[in-house]
N, C-alpha and C. Protein backbone atom coordinates (compact mmCIF):
# COMPACT_ATOMS: atom_id res chain seq x y z
N MET A 1 32.85 12.77 -37.79
CA MET A 1 31.53 12.54 -38.38
C MET A 1 30.86 13.85 -38.82
N VAL A 2 31.04 14.90 -38.05
CA VAL A 2 30.35 16.15 -38.38
C VAL A 2 31.27 17.19 -39.00
N TRP A 3 32.55 16.93 -39.11
CA TRP A 3 33.55 17.75 -39.79
C TRP A 3 33.95 19.03 -39.06
N HIS A 4 33.11 19.62 -38.28
CA HIS A 4 33.46 20.87 -37.60
C HIS A 4 33.52 20.64 -36.08
N PRO A 5 34.56 21.15 -35.43
CA PRO A 5 34.68 20.96 -33.97
C PRO A 5 33.49 21.53 -33.19
N GLU A 6 32.97 22.66 -33.64
CA GLU A 6 31.82 23.25 -32.92
C GLU A 6 30.59 22.34 -33.02
N ASP A 7 30.37 21.77 -34.20
CA ASP A 7 29.25 20.85 -34.36
C ASP A 7 29.43 19.59 -33.51
N ALA A 8 30.66 19.11 -33.45
CA ALA A 8 30.95 17.92 -32.65
C ALA A 8 30.72 18.21 -31.16
N LEU A 9 31.15 19.38 -30.71
CA LEU A 9 30.95 19.75 -29.31
C LEU A 9 29.46 19.87 -29.00
N ASP A 10 28.71 20.48 -29.90
CA ASP A 10 27.27 20.63 -29.70
C ASP A 10 26.58 19.27 -29.66
N ALA A 11 26.95 18.38 -30.59
CA ALA A 11 26.34 17.05 -30.62
C ALA A 11 26.69 16.26 -29.36
N PHE A 12 27.96 16.35 -28.93
CA PHE A 12 28.37 15.62 -27.74
C PHE A 12 27.68 16.15 -26.50
N THR A 13 27.56 17.45 -26.37
CA THR A 13 26.91 18.05 -25.20
C THR A 13 25.44 17.63 -25.13
N THR A 14 24.75 17.66 -26.26
CA THR A 14 23.35 17.24 -26.30
C THR A 14 23.23 15.78 -25.91
N TRP A 15 24.14 14.95 -26.42
CA TRP A 15 24.11 13.53 -26.11
C TRP A 15 24.33 13.29 -24.62
N VAL A 16 25.29 13.98 -24.03
CA VAL A 16 25.59 13.81 -22.60
C VAL A 16 24.38 14.21 -21.76
N HIS A 17 23.72 15.30 -22.12
CA HIS A 17 22.54 15.74 -21.37
C HIS A 17 21.42 14.70 -21.46
N ARG A 18 21.23 14.13 -22.63
CA ARG A 18 20.17 13.13 -22.81
C ARG A 18 20.46 11.86 -22.01
N VAL A 19 21.72 11.43 -22.02
CA VAL A 19 22.10 10.25 -21.26
C VAL A 19 21.89 10.50 -19.77
N ALA A 20 22.30 11.66 -19.29
CA ALA A 20 22.13 12.00 -17.87
C ALA A 20 20.66 12.07 -17.50
N ALA A 21 19.84 12.67 -18.35
CA ALA A 21 18.40 12.77 -18.08
C ALA A 21 17.77 11.39 -18.03
N ASN A 22 18.13 10.53 -18.97
CA ASN A 22 17.58 9.17 -18.98
C ASN A 22 17.98 8.40 -17.73
N TYR A 23 19.23 8.56 -17.31
CA TYR A 23 19.69 7.89 -16.09
C TYR A 23 18.89 8.36 -14.88
N LEU A 24 18.69 9.66 -14.75
CA LEU A 24 17.95 10.19 -13.60
C LEU A 24 16.50 9.74 -13.61
N LEU A 25 15.88 9.70 -14.77
CA LEU A 25 14.49 9.24 -14.85
C LEU A 25 14.38 7.77 -14.48
N THR A 26 15.33 6.96 -14.93
CA THR A 26 15.32 5.54 -14.60
C THR A 26 15.57 5.33 -13.11
N ALA A 27 16.52 6.06 -12.54
CA ALA A 27 16.82 5.92 -11.12
C ALA A 27 15.62 6.33 -10.27
N LYS A 28 14.96 7.41 -10.66
CA LYS A 28 13.78 7.87 -9.91
C LYS A 28 12.69 6.81 -9.97
N ARG A 29 12.44 6.27 -11.15
CA ARG A 29 11.39 5.26 -11.32
C ARG A 29 11.73 4.00 -10.51
N SER A 30 12.98 3.58 -10.53
CA SER A 30 13.39 2.38 -9.80
C SER A 30 13.23 2.57 -8.30
N ARG A 31 13.63 3.74 -7.81
CA ARG A 31 13.54 4.01 -6.38
C ARG A 31 12.08 4.07 -5.95
N LEU A 32 11.23 4.64 -6.79
CA LEU A 32 9.81 4.73 -6.47
C LEU A 32 9.17 3.35 -6.44
N GLN A 33 9.55 2.50 -7.39
CA GLN A 33 8.97 1.15 -7.42
C GLN A 33 9.49 0.30 -6.28
N ALA A 34 10.72 0.54 -5.85
CA ALA A 34 11.28 -0.23 -4.74
C ALA A 34 10.63 0.14 -3.41
N ARG A 35 10.08 1.33 -3.36
CA ARG A 35 9.43 1.80 -2.13
C ARG A 35 8.00 1.28 -2.10
N THR A 36 7.81 0.23 -1.34
CA THR A 36 6.47 -0.36 -1.26
C THR A 36 5.90 -0.17 0.13
N LEU A 37 4.62 -0.15 0.20
CA LEU A 37 3.91 -0.01 1.46
C LEU A 37 3.11 -1.27 1.66
N SER A 38 3.33 -1.94 2.77
CA SER A 38 2.55 -3.15 3.03
C SER A 38 1.17 -2.76 3.52
N SER A 39 0.24 -3.66 3.34
CA SER A 39 -1.12 -3.37 3.79
C SER A 39 -1.18 -3.28 5.31
N ASP A 40 -0.34 -4.04 6.01
CA ASP A 40 -0.30 -3.95 7.47
C ASP A 40 0.22 -2.59 7.93
N ALA A 41 1.28 -2.12 7.27
CA ALA A 41 1.84 -0.81 7.63
C ALA A 41 0.83 0.30 7.33
N PHE A 42 0.12 0.17 6.21
CA PHE A 42 -0.90 1.16 5.87
C PHE A 42 -2.03 1.16 6.90
N ALA A 43 -2.47 -0.04 7.32
CA ALA A 43 -3.54 -0.12 8.31
C ALA A 43 -3.11 0.49 9.64
N ALA A 44 -1.87 0.23 10.05
CA ALA A 44 -1.38 0.81 11.31
C ALA A 44 -1.28 2.32 11.21
N ASP A 45 -0.80 2.81 10.08
CA ASP A 45 -0.70 4.26 9.88
C ASP A 45 -2.08 4.90 9.86
N LEU A 46 -3.03 4.25 9.23
CA LEU A 46 -4.39 4.76 9.18
C LEU A 46 -5.02 4.78 10.57
N LYS A 47 -4.79 3.73 11.33
CA LYS A 47 -5.36 3.66 12.68
C LYS A 47 -4.77 4.74 13.59
N ASP A 48 -3.47 5.01 13.43
CA ASP A 48 -2.83 6.06 14.22
C ASP A 48 -3.37 7.44 13.88
N GLY A 49 -3.83 7.61 12.65
CA GLY A 49 -4.30 8.92 12.21
C GLY A 49 -5.77 9.18 12.46
N LEU A 50 -6.50 8.20 12.96
CA LEU A 50 -7.93 8.38 13.20
C LEU A 50 -8.17 9.33 14.37
N ASP A 51 -9.14 10.20 14.19
CA ASP A 51 -9.51 11.14 15.25
C ASP A 51 -10.92 10.79 15.71
N LEU A 52 -11.03 10.33 16.92
CA LEU A 52 -12.35 9.91 17.42
C LEU A 52 -13.27 11.10 17.68
N ALA A 53 -12.73 12.29 17.83
CA ALA A 53 -13.55 13.47 18.09
C ALA A 53 -13.72 14.28 16.80
N ALA A 54 -13.97 13.59 15.70
CA ALA A 54 -14.13 14.25 14.40
C ALA A 54 -15.43 15.03 14.36
N PRO A 55 -15.48 16.10 13.54
CA PRO A 55 -16.72 16.87 13.42
C PRO A 55 -17.82 16.06 12.73
N ARG A 56 -19.02 16.61 12.75
CA ARG A 56 -20.17 15.94 12.13
C ARG A 56 -19.91 15.68 10.65
N ARG A 57 -20.41 14.58 10.16
CA ARG A 57 -20.20 14.20 8.76
C ARG A 57 -20.95 15.08 7.78
N ASP A 58 -22.03 15.69 8.22
CA ASP A 58 -22.83 16.48 7.28
C ASP A 58 -22.40 17.94 7.24
N ALA A 59 -21.39 18.33 8.00
CA ALA A 59 -20.89 19.71 7.95
C ALA A 59 -20.17 19.92 6.62
N PRO A 60 -20.34 21.09 5.98
CA PRO A 60 -19.73 21.33 4.66
C PRO A 60 -18.22 21.11 4.64
N GLU A 61 -17.51 21.56 5.68
CA GLU A 61 -16.05 21.38 5.68
C GLU A 61 -15.68 19.91 5.84
N SER A 62 -16.52 19.16 6.54
CA SER A 62 -16.26 17.73 6.72
C SER A 62 -16.43 16.97 5.43
N ILE A 63 -17.40 17.38 4.62
CA ILE A 63 -17.64 16.70 3.34
C ILE A 63 -16.42 16.82 2.44
N ALA A 64 -15.82 18.01 2.36
CA ALA A 64 -14.63 18.21 1.54
C ALA A 64 -13.44 17.43 2.09
N ILE A 65 -13.28 17.43 3.40
CA ILE A 65 -12.18 16.70 4.03
C ILE A 65 -12.33 15.21 3.79
N LEU A 66 -13.55 14.69 3.94
CA LEU A 66 -13.79 13.26 3.71
C LEU A 66 -13.51 12.87 2.26
N ALA A 67 -13.86 13.73 1.31
CA ALA A 67 -13.57 13.44 -0.10
C ALA A 67 -12.06 13.34 -0.32
N ASP A 68 -11.28 14.24 0.28
CA ASP A 68 -9.82 14.19 0.16
C ASP A 68 -9.27 12.93 0.81
N ILE A 69 -9.82 12.56 1.94
CA ILE A 69 -9.36 11.36 2.64
C ILE A 69 -9.63 10.12 1.80
N LYS A 70 -10.79 10.06 1.16
CA LYS A 70 -11.12 8.90 0.32
C LYS A 70 -10.14 8.76 -0.83
N VAL A 71 -9.80 9.86 -1.47
CA VAL A 71 -8.84 9.82 -2.57
C VAL A 71 -7.47 9.39 -2.05
N GLY A 72 -7.04 9.96 -0.93
CA GLY A 72 -5.75 9.61 -0.36
C GLY A 72 -5.67 8.14 0.03
N CYS A 73 -6.73 7.63 0.63
CA CYS A 73 -6.76 6.22 1.03
C CYS A 73 -6.73 5.30 -0.19
N THR A 74 -7.45 5.67 -1.23
CA THR A 74 -7.46 4.87 -2.45
C THR A 74 -6.06 4.81 -3.06
N LEU A 75 -5.38 5.95 -3.13
CA LEU A 75 -4.02 5.96 -3.67
C LEU A 75 -3.07 5.16 -2.79
N ALA A 76 -3.21 5.27 -1.49
CA ALA A 76 -2.34 4.52 -0.58
C ALA A 76 -2.59 3.02 -0.69
N MET A 77 -3.84 2.61 -0.79
CA MET A 77 -4.15 1.18 -0.93
C MET A 77 -3.60 0.66 -2.26
N ARG A 78 -3.67 1.46 -3.29
CA ARG A 78 -3.13 1.05 -4.59
C ARG A 78 -1.62 0.88 -4.51
N SER A 79 -0.96 1.72 -3.71
CA SER A 79 0.49 1.62 -3.60
C SER A 79 0.92 0.38 -2.81
N CYS A 80 0.00 -0.25 -2.10
CA CYS A 80 0.31 -1.49 -1.39
C CYS A 80 0.40 -2.67 -2.36
N LEU A 81 -0.12 -2.52 -3.55
CA LEU A 81 -0.10 -3.59 -4.53
C LEU A 81 1.24 -3.64 -5.26
N ASP A 82 1.61 -4.81 -5.78
CA ASP A 82 2.81 -4.88 -6.60
C ASP A 82 2.50 -4.32 -7.99
N ARG A 83 3.55 -4.10 -8.78
CA ARG A 83 3.40 -3.41 -10.07
C ARG A 83 2.39 -4.08 -11.01
N PRO A 84 2.42 -5.39 -11.21
CA PRO A 84 1.44 -5.99 -12.13
C PRO A 84 0.00 -5.77 -11.69
N HIS A 85 -0.25 -5.82 -10.38
CA HIS A 85 -1.62 -5.61 -9.90
C HIS A 85 -2.02 -4.14 -9.99
N ARG A 86 -1.07 -3.22 -9.80
CA ARG A 86 -1.39 -1.80 -9.97
C ARG A 86 -1.73 -1.51 -11.41
N LEU A 87 -1.04 -2.15 -12.34
CA LEU A 87 -1.32 -1.92 -13.75
C LEU A 87 -2.70 -2.42 -14.15
N ALA A 88 -3.14 -3.48 -13.50
CA ALA A 88 -4.46 -4.02 -13.81
C ALA A 88 -5.51 -3.02 -13.41
């Protein structure tokens, strides 16, 4: 098709790299979607991580930590949903 062996080798090498990259991206996406977190497992994990001797809520360092925790909890709760509900 390309008449020159060097061009054919270059085209084939590029094609092989693209096929391999697409396969890896698909496998990663499939494995990530297969990994689901149930709401019960999330609740148990959250309960295990609670610290009853937490610092005051109005302390500056606590405000930043609480903001990070809120974002983390939101992402974790979203991951408990199936794909159609996450897309919504």
